[in-house]
Amino acid sequence: MFSIFANAWKIHDLRKKILFTIFIIIIFRLGSHIFVPFITPGAMAGMLGGDGTLMEYFNSITGGALGKGTLFAMSITPYINASIITQLLTVAIPALERMQKEGEEGQKKINKIVKSLALGIGVFQSTAFYFALSNMPGAEGSGMTSAVTHTTGFAGAVAMVTIIGCFTAGASLIIWLGEQITDRGIGNGISMILFAGIISGVPDEIYGLFRQMTTASWQGAVFVPLILLIYIAMIAFVVLMTNAERRIPVQYAKRQVGRKMYGGQSSHIPIKVAMSGVMPIIFAMSIMSLPQTILHFFGISHMTAGFWGNFLRAFNSTTWIYAFFYFLLIIGFNYFYVAVQYNPVEIANNLKKNNGAIPGYRPGKPTSDFIHNSLSKITFIGAIFLGIVAVFPIAFSNITALTGQRIAGLSLGGTTVLIVVGVALETMRTLESQMMMRHHKGFLE
């Protein structure tokens, strides 16, 4: 990876793109420290709950901007939600499906729909944040009765418009910054923004582990180095499984047009093991975190007695019950996402139209059945892989708790590792393709 980056740095055009990408990321990080007016310091941190809510996950991918209540508090979460909704709607709405098959022009139209939907989601989330903050007490030591400095009268209306407007404008600005990276920088801009947000929180996590190792009991000195080794092994495992694929051989028949012979070559259909990426984890996390997030907005604490208190304690992100249902949802959503994205009948028809066939299988239904069976097996392996990556930190945290040393902040570790590794690999592949286009011999050796 470092050799690819070093070789790309030697090329003037790629160096400009890399510097432009870094410049945009710096702007993103600066915006993550610009505080929104009318919000008391530390108020947004109270919304996270610390109980594995969806808000806690959002805070991790924003680099802590959500917990600080800054301009970029929502980061790219409205765009991610809009992209997921649009992908699901392409299956249900034929017009969107046709638009998706129109190539580059169709993709531009879909991007406009995604951005418009992201704006609407941004306004909705900003409004929800405002009402949640207005119903929360001020941070301890601030002397404020509410997390919002003004809640009534003309000043309250100004505060509401300002807070909602700042959060929405920040989300829109991030989408624009991501587009600039895509057009003039390296890699997918939205993915790079997400990558930068997660990486920015790594120093604090390392510092927290170091403090736990030095200030905790002897278990901390044992488990913290073990955690670092586990994360290194997890990164290697994620890289291996992300690059793993099943190649279905395809043979194209020869055909003669005039005096020229076409076809006859061999190829393959690549089926990635982790073809759905991190989407099933995001879906499952959204479902599992929704009850605690809603109850937290209503001010119901996990310390509450009675039914709701027991419910919150049972579905806390550190419990075995949570891990069990989380694992099942990941498997289910992985199958659902693959079924939405891949149609074996359409693949078989495309092969037949191009005079291609899988050796040993007749065109038509036998080919589609074989592709369907292959997809089912690979999907199962990919689902188990995603489930292990997502659930292992929770299991490890519970196991260490049995010895009196709970390692905090691990329940989201597998997801962030998967995102970071995926974006890093995609960026390296983009650099490689850029260098191959410039025909620099020896740079990839």
Protein backbone atom coordinates (compact mmCIF):
# COMPACT_ATOMS: atom_id res chain seq x y z
CA MET A 1 0.00 0.00 0.00
CA PHE A 2 2.75 2.45 0.93
CA SER A 3 4.68 1.67 -2.26
CA ILE A 4 1.55 2.37 -4.36
CA PHE A 5 1.06 5.70 -2.59
CA ALA A 6 4.75 6.60 -2.99
CA ASN A 7 4.69 5.79 -6.70
CA ALA A 8 1.49 7.79 -7.20
CA TRP A 9 3.10 10.77 -5.43
CA LYS A 10 5.79 10.90 -8.12
CA ILE A 11 3.18 11.63 -10.80
CA HIS A 12 2.30 15.33 -11.03
CA ASP A 13 -1.42 14.88 -11.82
CA LEU A 14 -1.95 12.28 -9.10
CA ARG A 15 -0.02 14.38 -6.59
CA LYS A 16 -2.38 17.29 -7.26
CA LYS A 17 -5.38 15.02 -6.75
CA ILE A 18 -3.96 13.64 -3.51
CA LEU A 19 -3.25 17.13 -2.16
CA PHE A 20 -6.73 18.29 -3.15
CA THR A 21 -8.26 15.32 -1.31
CA ILE A 22 -6.22 16.13 1.80
CA PHE A 23 -7.31 19.79 1.55
CA ILE A 24 -11.00 18.82 1.46
CA ILE A 25 -10.51 16.48 4.44
CA ILE A 26 -8.88 19.32 6.39
CA ILE A 27 -11.92 21.52 5.67
CA PHE A 28 -14.15 18.69 6.89
CA ARG A 29 -12.20 18.37 10.13
CA LEU A 30 -12.26 22.14 10.69
CA GLY A 31 -16.03 22.17 10.24
CA SER A 32 -16.27 19.40 12.83
CA HIS A 33 -14.99 21.91 15.44
CA ILE A 34 -17.27 24.86 14.61
CA PHE A 35 -19.94 24.88 17.31
CA VAL A 36 -23.59 25.57 16.49
CA PRO A 37 -25.04 28.64 18.29
CA PHE A 38 -27.71 28.38 21.01
CA ILE A 39 -26.57 24.92 22.17
CA THR A 40 -24.99 24.62 25.62
CA PRO A 41 -21.52 23.02 25.61
CA GLY A 42 -21.58 19.25 26.03
CA ALA A 43 -25.36 19.03 25.54
CA MET A 44 -25.20 16.82 22.45
CA ALA A 45 -23.04 14.31 24.32
CA GLY A 46 -26.04 13.63 26.54
CA MET A 47 -28.00 12.42 23.48
CA LEU A 48 -25.55 9.58 22.85
CA GLY A 49 -26.63 7.71 25.93
CA GLY A 50 -23.57 5.45 26.01
CA ASP A 51 -25.87 2.44 25.64
CA GLY A 52 -25.08 1.39 22.09
CA THR A 53 -27.76 3.59 20.56
CA LEU A 54 -27.81 4.48 16.90
CA MET A 55 -26.66 7.96 17.98
CA GLU A 56 -23.50 6.43 19.41
CA TYR A 57 -22.76 4.81 16.06
CA PHE A 58 -23.40 8.09 14.23
CA ASN A 59 -21.00 9.82 16.61
CA SER A 60 -18.26 7.30 15.80
CA ILE A 61 -18.51 7.86 12.03
CA THR A 62 -18.59 11.65 12.44
CA GLY A 63 -15.33 11.66 14.37
CA GLY A 64 -17.06 12.89 17.54
CA ALA A 65 -18.67 15.89 15.79
CA LEU A 66 -22.17 14.78 16.81
CA GLY A 67 -21.29 14.58 20.48
CA LYS A 68 -19.79 18.08 20.36
CA GLY A 69 -22.79 19.62 18.58
CA THR A 70 -20.76 21.15 15.76
CA LEU A 71 -21.64 22.26 12.23
CA PHE A 72 -20.90 18.83 10.74
CA ALA A 73 -22.68 16.92 13.52
CA MET A 74 -24.78 14.88 11.08
CA SER A 75 -21.84 14.27 8.73
CA ILE A 76 -22.91 12.12 5.75
CA THR A 77 -25.58 10.10 7.59
CA PRO A 78 -28.48 11.76 5.65
CA TYR A 79 -26.75 10.89 2.36
CA ILE A 80 -26.13 7.29 3.48
CA ASN A 81 -29.77 6.87 4.50
CA ALA A 82 -30.94 8.44 1.22
CA SER A 83 -28.67 6.10 -0.79
CA ILE A 84 -30.01 3.04 1.02
CA ILE A 85 -33.63 4.10 0.54
CA THR A 86 -33.03 4.81 -3.17
CA GLN A 87 -31.38 1.42 -3.71
CA LEU A 88 -34.35 -0.32 -2.14
CA LEU A 89 -36.82 1.75 -4.17
CA THR A 90 -35.15 0.80 -7.46
CA VAL A 91 -36.50 -2.71 -6.93
CA ALA A 92 -40.06 -1.54 -6.17
CA ILE A 93 -40.33 1.32 -8.71
CA PRO A 94 -39.83 0.30 -12.38
CA ALA A 95 -39.02 3.89 -13.44
CA LEU A 96 -36.02 3.99 -11.09
CA GLU A 97 -34.92 0.55 -12.28
CA ARG A 98 -34.97 1.71 -15.90
CA MET A 99 -33.12 4.86 -14.92
CA GLN A 100 -30.42 2.75 -13.25
CA LYS A 101 -29.86 0.85 -16.51
CA GLU A 102 -29.45 4.01 -18.61
CA GLY A 103 -25.75 4.25 -17.88
CA GLU A 104 -24.02 7.49 -16.92
CA GLU A 105 -27.00 9.74 -17.67
CA GLY A 106 -29.30 7.57 -15.60
CA GLN A 107 -26.81 7.58 -12.74
CA LYS A 108 -26.73 11.38 -12.79
CA LYS A 109 -30.52 11.47 -12.46
CA ILE A 110 -30.41 9.00 -9.57
CA ASN A 111 -27.72 11.10 -7.85
CA LYS A 112 -30.00 14.13 -8.06
CA ILE A 113 -32.80 12.12 -6.47
CA VAL A 114 -30.44 10.91 -3.72
CA LYS A 115 -29.28 14.46 -2.95
CA SER A 116 -32.84 15.78 -2.84
CA LEU A 117 -33.88 12.94 -0.55
CA ALA A 118 -30.77 13.52 1.60
CA LEU A 119 -31.79 17.17 2.02
CA GLY A 120 -35.24 16.13 3.22
CA ILE A 121 -33.76 13.56 5.62
CA GLY A 122 -31.29 16.19 6.84
CA VAL A 123 -34.11 18.61 7.67
CA PHE A 124 -36.01 15.83 9.47
CA GLN A 125 -32.99 14.73 11.51
CA SER A 126 -32.06 18.32 12.34
CA THR A 127 -35.59 18.98 13.58
CA ALA A 128 -35.51 15.79 15.66
CA PHE A 129 -32.17 16.85 17.16
CA TYR A 130 -33.56 20.27 18.05
CA PHE A 131 -36.63 18.92 19.87
CA ALA A 132 -34.52 16.29 21.65
CA LEU A 133 -32.12 19.01 22.81
CA SER A 134 -34.90 21.37 23.87
CA ASN A 135 -36.34 18.64 26.11
CA MET A 136 -32.98 17.83 27.67
CA PRO A 137 -31.49 19.55 30.74
CA GLY A 138 -28.30 21.55 30.26
CA ALA A 139 -24.95 19.88 30.68
CA GLU A 140 -23.76 19.51 34.25
CA GLY A 141 -22.02 22.66 35.46
CA SER A 142 -23.41 24.86 32.67
CA GLY A 143 -26.10 26.42 34.89
CA MET A 144 -28.69 26.05 32.09
CA THR A 145 -32.11 24.46 32.57
CA SER A 146 -32.19 23.30 28.93
CA ALA A 147 -29.63 22.15 26.41
CA VAL A 148 -30.91 24.98 24.17
CA THR A 149 -30.21 28.48 25.51
CA HIS A 150 -33.56 29.90 24.32
CA THR A 151 -36.73 27.82 23.95
CA THR A 152 -39.61 30.35 24.12
CA GLY A 153 -40.65 33.54 22.40
CA PHE A 154 -38.95 35.20 19.47
CA ALA A 155 -35.50 34.19 20.73
CA GLY A 156 -36.65 30.56 20.88
CA ALA A 157 -37.88 30.72 17.28
CA VAL A 158 -34.56 32.20 16.16
CA ALA A 159 -32.68 29.48 18.06
CA MET A 160 -34.81 26.74 16.46
CA VAL A 161 -34.30 28.07 12.91
CA THR A 162 -30.57 28.57 13.52
CA ILE A 163 -29.94 25.12 14.96
CA ILE A 164 -31.98 23.30 12.29
CA GLY A 165 -30.46 25.44 9.54
CA CYS A 166 -26.87 24.90 10.72
CA PHE A 167 -27.22 21.14 10.98
CA THR A 168 -28.93 20.90 7.56
CA ALA A 169 -26.42 23.25 5.92
CA GLY A 170 -23.53 21.28 7.39
CA ALA A 171 -24.87 18.00 5.97
CA SER A 172 -25.39 19.63 2.54
CA LEU A 173 -21.88 21.11 2.61
CA ILE A 174 -20.38 17.70 3.36
CA ILE A 175 -22.19 16.19 0.36
CA TRP A 176 -20.76 18.98 -1.80
CA LEU A 177 -17.26 18.37 -0.40
CA GLY A 178 -17.60 14.68 -1.18
CA GLU A 179 -18.57 15.48 -4.77
CA GLN A 180 -15.47 17.67 -5.12
CA ILE A 181 -13.27 14.76 -4.03
CA THR A 182 -15.01 12.44 -6.51
CA ASP A 183 -14.57 14.91 -9.38
CA ARG A 184 -11.12 16.34 -8.64
CA GLY A 185 -9.56 14.08 -6.03
CA ILE A 186 -8.86 10.41 -5.38
CA GLY A 187 -11.54 7.81 -4.79
CA ASN A 188 -15.18 8.12 -3.86
CA GLY A 189 -15.69 11.40 -2.02
CA ILE A 190 -18.44 10.22 0.34
CA SER A 191 -16.38 7.17 1.31
CA MET A 192 -13.32 9.36 1.93
CA ILE A 193 -15.33 11.67 4.22
CA LEU A 194 -16.60 8.65 6.12
CA PHE A 195 -13.05 7.27 6.31
CA ALA A 196 -11.68 10.57 7.65
CA GLY A 197 -14.39 10.81 10.31
CA ILE A 198 -13.66 7.33 11.66
CA ILE A 199 -9.87 7.70 11.53
CA SER A 200 -10.01 11.01 13.41
CA GLY A 201 -11.33 9.17 16.47
CA VAL A 202 -8.54 6.58 16.49
CA PRO A 203 -6.04 8.68 18.54
CA ASP A 204 -8.60 9.18 21.32
CA GLU A 205 -9.38 5.45 21.33
CA ILE A 206 -5.69 4.57 21.56
CA TYR A 207 -5.20 7.11 24.36
CA GLY A 208 -8.19 5.65 26.21
CA LEU A 209 -6.79 2.12 25.91
CA PHE A 210 -3.39 3.35 27.10
CA ARG A 211 -4.95 4.99 30.15
CA GLN A 212 -6.91 1.85 30.87
CA MET A 213 -3.72 -0.18 30.65
CA THR A 214 -1.82 2.08 33.06
CA THR A 215 -4.53 3.03 35.55
CA ALA A 216 -6.66 -0.14 35.71
CA SER A 217 -5.87 -3.37 37.51
CA TRP A 218 -3.59 -6.08 36.21
CA GLN A 219 -6.33 -7.24 33.81
CA GLY A 220 -6.00 -3.96 31.91
CA ALA A 221 -2.30 -4.54 31.32
CA VAL A 222 -3.15 -7.99 29.94
CA PHE A 223 -6.28 -7.30 27.91
CA VAL A 224 -5.34 -3.98 26.27
CA PRO A 225 -2.30 -5.40 24.39
CA LEU A 226 -4.47 -8.39 23.54
CA ILE A 227 -7.06 -6.03 22.06
CA LEU A 228 -4.44 -4.42 19.82
CA LEU A 229 -3.32 -7.85 18.57
CA ILE A 230 -6.94 -8.84 17.95
CA TYR A 231 -7.57 -5.70 15.92
CA ILE A 232 -4.47 -6.34 13.81
CA ALA A 233 -5.69 -9.89 13.18
CA MET A 234 -9.19 -8.55 12.44
CA ILE A 235 -7.80 -6.14 9.84
CA ALA A 236 -5.90 -8.98 8.15
CA PHE A 237 -9.05 -11.14 8.21
CA VAL A 238 -11.19 -8.35 6.75
CA VAL A 239 -8.64 -7.71 3.97
CA LEU A 240 -8.58 -11.42 3.12
CA MET A 241 -12.35 -11.79 3.02
CA THR A 242 -12.92 -8.48 1.21
CA ASN A 243 -10.64 -9.56 -1.64
CA ALA A 244 -11.96 -13.15 -1.71
CA GLU A 245 -14.23 -14.05 -4.61
CA ARG A 246 -15.74 -17.02 -6.39
CA ARG A 247 -15.05 -17.00 -10.12
CA ILE A 248 -17.63 -18.71 -12.30
CA PRO A 249 -16.03 -19.65 -15.67
CA VAL A 250 -17.73 -18.42 -18.85
CA GLN A 251 -17.00 -19.60 -22.38
CA TYR A 252 -18.09 -17.46 -25.35
CA ALA A 253 -18.98 -19.24 -28.59
CA LYS A 254 -17.23 -18.41 -31.84
CA ARG A 255 -19.21 -16.67 -34.55
CA GLN A 256 -18.18 -15.50 -37.99
CA VAL A 257 -19.14 -12.05 -39.32
CA GLY A 258 -17.98 -11.69 -42.92
CA ARG A 259 -14.37 -12.79 -43.00
CA LYS A 260 -13.73 -12.14 -39.30
CA MET A 261 -14.17 -14.56 -36.44
CA TYR A 262 -15.49 -13.19 -33.14
CA GLY A 263 -15.77 -14.74 -29.70
CA GLY A 264 -14.18 -17.95 -28.55
CA GLN A 265 -12.48 -16.41 -25.52
CA SER A 266 -12.84 -17.53 -21.92
CA SER A 267 -13.81 -15.25 -19.05
CA HIS A 268 -15.40 -15.48 -15.62
CA ILE A 269 -18.12 -13.93 -13.45
CA PRO A 270 -16.59 -12.70 -10.16
CA ILE A 271 -18.77 -13.14 -7.07
CA LYS A 272 -17.36 -11.35 -4.04
CA VAL A 273 -17.68 -13.03 -0.66
CA ALA A 274 -18.36 -9.64 0.98
CA MET A 275 -20.40 -8.35 -1.97
CA SER A 276 -22.86 -6.45 0.23
CA GLY A 277 -20.14 -4.58 2.11
CA VAL A 278 -21.14 -2.99 5.39
CA MET A 279 -24.80 -2.40 4.43
CA PRO A 280 -26.26 -5.44 6.29
CA ILE A 281 -24.48 -4.32 9.46
CA ILE A 282 -25.87 -0.80 9.12
CA PHE A 283 -29.39 -2.18 8.55
CA ALA A 284 -29.13 -4.54 11.53
CA MET A 285 -27.63 -1.87 13.78
CA SER A 286 -30.39 0.56 12.85
CA ILE A 287 -33.08 -1.98 13.80
CA MET A 288 -31.38 -3.10 17.03
CA SER A 289 -30.57 0.44 18.16
CA LEU A 290 -33.97 1.90 17.33
CA PRO A 291 -35.75 0.93 20.60
CA GLN A 292 -33.04 2.40 22.83
CA THR A 293 -32.71 5.49 20.67
CA ILE A 294 -36.46 6.20 20.80
CA LEU A 295 -36.67 5.57 24.53
CA HIS A 296 -33.62 7.76 25.09
CA PHE A 297 -35.27 10.63 23.19
CA PHE A 298 -38.24 10.26 25.56
CA GLY A 299 -35.91 10.46 28.54
CA ILE A 300 -36.31 6.83 29.66
CA SER A 301 -33.04 5.72 31.24
CA HIS A 302 -31.69 2.19 31.57
CA MET A 303 -31.77 2.80 35.33
CA THR A 304 -35.58 3.05 35.17
CA ALA A 305 -37.40 0.34 37.09
CA GLY A 306 -40.21 -1.73 35.64
CA PHE A 307 -40.80 -3.07 32.15
CA TRP A 308 -38.96 -0.37 30.17
CA GLY A 309 -35.92 -0.57 32.43
CA ASN A 310 -35.70 -4.33 32.02
CA PHE A 311 -36.23 -3.98 28.26
CA LEU A 312 -33.37 -1.50 27.95
CA ARG A 313 -31.07 -3.65 30.03
CA ALA A 314 -31.91 -6.74 27.95
CA PHE A 315 -31.22 -5.00 24.62
CA ASN A 316 -28.16 -3.10 25.72
CA SER A 317 -25.45 -3.41 23.06
CA THR A 318 -23.17 -5.26 25.47
CA THR A 319 -25.56 -8.14 26.25
CA TRP A 320 -25.62 -11.63 24.77
CA ILE A 321 -29.30 -11.20 23.80
CA TYR A 322 -28.40 -8.14 21.72
CA ALA A 323 -25.48 -10.00 20.10
CA PHE A 324 -27.68 -13.00 19.23
CA PHE A 325 -30.42 -11.00 17.49
CA TYR A 326 -27.83 -8.70 15.94
CA PHE A 327 -26.10 -11.71 14.37
CA LEU A 328 -29.39 -13.11 13.00
CA LEU A 329 -30.40 -9.74 11.53
CA ILE A 330 -27.03 -9.37 9.79
CA ILE A 331 -27.47 -12.76 8.12
CA GLY A 332 -31.03 -11.94 7.08
CA PHE A 333 -30.20 -8.50 5.71
CA ASN A 334 -27.17 -9.86 3.85
CA TYR A 335 -29.41 -12.30 1.96
CA PHE A 336 -31.94 -9.53 1.34
CA TYR A 337 -29.34 -7.06 0.02
CA VAL A 338 -27.77 -9.65 -2.32
CA ALA A 339 -31.22 -10.63 -3.60
CA VAL A 340 -31.93 -6.98 -4.36
CA GLN A 341 -28.63 -6.33 -6.11
CA TYR A 342 -28.18 -9.57 -8.08
CA ASN A 343 -30.72 -11.24 -10.36
CA PRO A 344 -29.54 -14.71 -11.55
CA VAL A 345 -32.17 -14.81 -14.32
CA GLU A 346 -30.99 -11.48 -15.73
CA ILE A 347 -27.35 -12.60 -15.59
CA ALA A 348 -28.21 -15.84 -17.42
CA ASN A 349 -30.16 -13.91 -20.08
CA ASN A 350 -27.25 -11.53 -20.63
CA LEU A 351 -24.88 -14.46 -21.09
CA LYS A 352 -27.26 -16.01 -23.62
CA LYS A 353 -27.54 -12.76 -25.58
CA ASN A 354 -23.74 -12.51 -25.82
CA ASN A 355 -23.33 -16.19 -26.87
CA GLY A 356 -21.77 -17.01 -23.51
CA ALA A 357 -22.31 -20.14 -21.45
CA ILE A 358 -21.06 -21.72 -18.25
CA PRO A 359 -19.27 -24.99 -19.13
CA GLY A 360 -21.45 -27.97 -18.25
CA TYR A 361 -24.72 -26.02 -18.06
CA ARG A 362 -27.21 -25.27 -20.80
CA PRO A 363 -28.29 -21.65 -21.38
CA GLY A 364 -31.49 -20.52 -19.72
CA LYS A 365 -32.91 -21.99 -16.53
CA PRO A 366 -30.04 -24.45 -15.79
CA THR A 367 -27.58 -21.55 -15.94
CA SER A 368 -29.73 -19.28 -13.74
CA ASP A 369 -30.21 -22.13 -11.21
CA PHE A 370 -26.45 -22.70 -11.04
CA ILE A 371 -25.79 -18.98 -10.53
CA HIS A 372 -28.53 -18.86 -7.86
CA ASN A 373 -27.02 -21.81 -5.97
CA SER A 374 -23.53 -20.30 -6.18
CA LEU A 375 -24.84 -16.95 -4.92
CA SER A 376 -26.62 -18.65 -2.01
CA LYS A 377 -23.45 -20.44 -0.87
CA ILE A 378 -21.24 -17.36 -1.20
CA THR A 379 -23.89 -15.18 0.47
CA PHE A 380 -23.98 -17.54 3.46
CA ILE A 381 -20.20 -17.36 3.86
CA GLY A 382 -20.28 -13.57 3.52
CA ALA A 383 -23.10 -13.30 6.07
CA ILE A 384 -21.20 -15.39 8.62
CA PHE A 385 -18.10 -13.25 8.00
CA LEU A 386 -20.01 -10.00 8.59
CA GLY A 387 -21.71 -11.45 11.66
CA ILE A 388 -18.39 -12.52 13.19
CA VAL A 389 -16.78 -9.14 12.54
CA ALA A 390 -19.72 -7.27 14.06
CA VAL A 391 -20.46 -9.53 17.03
CA PHE A 392 -16.93 -10.55 18.09
CA PRO A 393 -16.14 -7.25 19.90
CA ILE A 394 -19.37 -7.62 21.92
CA ALA A 395 -18.50 -11.23 22.80
CA PHE A 396 -14.96 -10.26 23.77
CA SER A 397 -16.24 -7.44 25.97
CA ASN A 398 -18.57 -9.85 27.79
CA ILE A 399 -15.85 -12.47 28.22
CA THR A 400 -13.44 -9.95 29.71
CA ALA A 401 -16.21 -8.74 32.02
CA LEU A 402 -16.24 -12.22 33.55
CA THR A 403 -12.74 -11.55 34.85
CA GLY A 404 -13.71 -8.15 36.24
CA GLN A 405 -12.36 -6.05 33.38
CA ARG A 406 -14.89 -4.78 30.82
CA ILE A 407 -13.25 -3.14 27.82
CA ALA A 408 -15.49 -0.24 26.87
CA GLY A 409 -16.15 1.02 23.35
CA LEU A 410 -15.73 -2.28 21.54
CA SER A 411 -19.28 -2.93 20.38
CA LEU A 412 -18.80 -0.76 17.25
CA GLY A 413 -15.19 -1.70 16.54
CA GLY A 414 -15.84 -4.42 13.97
CA THR A 415 -18.06 -2.18 11.86
CA THR A 416 -15.59 0.69 11.76
CA VAL A 417 -12.73 -1.68 10.89
CA LEU A 418 -14.78 -3.05 7.99
CA ILE A 419 -15.52 0.45 6.69
CA VAL A 420 -11.94 1.70 7.04
CA VAL A 421 -10.40 -1.36 5.39
CA GLY A 422 -12.94 -1.30 2.56
CA VAL A 423 -12.34 2.38 1.78
CA ALA A 424 -8.55 1.95 2.00
CA LEU A 425 -8.57 -0.98 -0.44
CA GLU A 426 -10.87 0.86 -2.84
CA THR A 427 -8.61 3.93 -2.75
CA MET A 428 -5.54 1.82 -3.48
CA ARG A 429 -7.32 0.19 -6.43
CA THR A 430 -8.22 3.66 -7.72
CA LEU A 431 -4.57 4.77 -7.53
CA GLU A 432 -3.47 1.61 -9.33
CA SER A 433 -5.96 2.17 -12.14
CA GLN A 434 -4.90 5.82 -12.43
CA MET A 435 -1.25 4.77 -12.79
CA MET A 436 -2.10 2.08 -15.33
CA MET A 437 -3.92 4.69 -17.43
CA ARG A 438 -0.73 6.74 -17.53
CA HIS A 439 1.34 3.70 -18.67
CA HIS A 440 4.08 4.06 -16.10
CA LYS A 441 5.89 0.78 -16.51
CA GLY A 442 7.27 -0.78 -13.35
CA PHE A 443 5.22 1.20 -10.86
CA LEU A 444 2.96 -1.78 -10.09
CA GLU A 445 5.76 -4.34 -9.85
